[in-house]
Amino acid sequence: MNPIDFAYFPLLIFLPCYLMLCVNATSGPLSALVSSIFKSNSIVKTVVWTLMGTCLIFCIICIVSAYENPYRSDYREGALASCLNLVLLLGIQNLGLTVEERNKITIDRDMMKKQAIAIAEFSNKLMSEGKKATDTIKSESAMPEDSKSKTEEESGEARKRK
């Protein structure tokens, strides 16, 4: 088997996935779908990690073979393509995490918008009813007067110390 054939096959699969995650125009369902495929399914995770290990081993074999046979360019090209596959797999995983975080932040932002709209409608409703802030304040209650302190004030005597 030619090393170039093995190295370019996964590249044809992972490069479009990586580009779909990178493009900001696909911030909707397409990038979320690609992210969920690579994150949620345990079989896909196993395949991806196995393929990453295979690419790493194949890259090392191609580098050693290129060192032993310096005149064969297919080993060097296979090593570079395998290394590119490995970098793309790591990039897809990191971009998948970023897409999931972006989706969570988008949901939080939408919830805050809904809450702000509800608060604005509530305050407009209160203002349209004609209530003012001073109308809602309760009047202070009078403090109960103590009969003992009243008698001391009337007698005019200073407080006795013990």
Foldseek 3Di string as FASTA:
>chain_A
DQLVVVLCPLVVVLVVLLVCLPDPVNLPDPVLVSLCVCPPDPVNVVVLVVLLVVLVVLLVVLVVVCVVVVVDCSSVVSNVSSVVSNVSSVSSNVSSVVSVVVVVVVVVVVVVVVVVVVVVVVVVVVVVVVDDPVNPDDDDDDDDDDVVVVVCVVVVDDDDDD
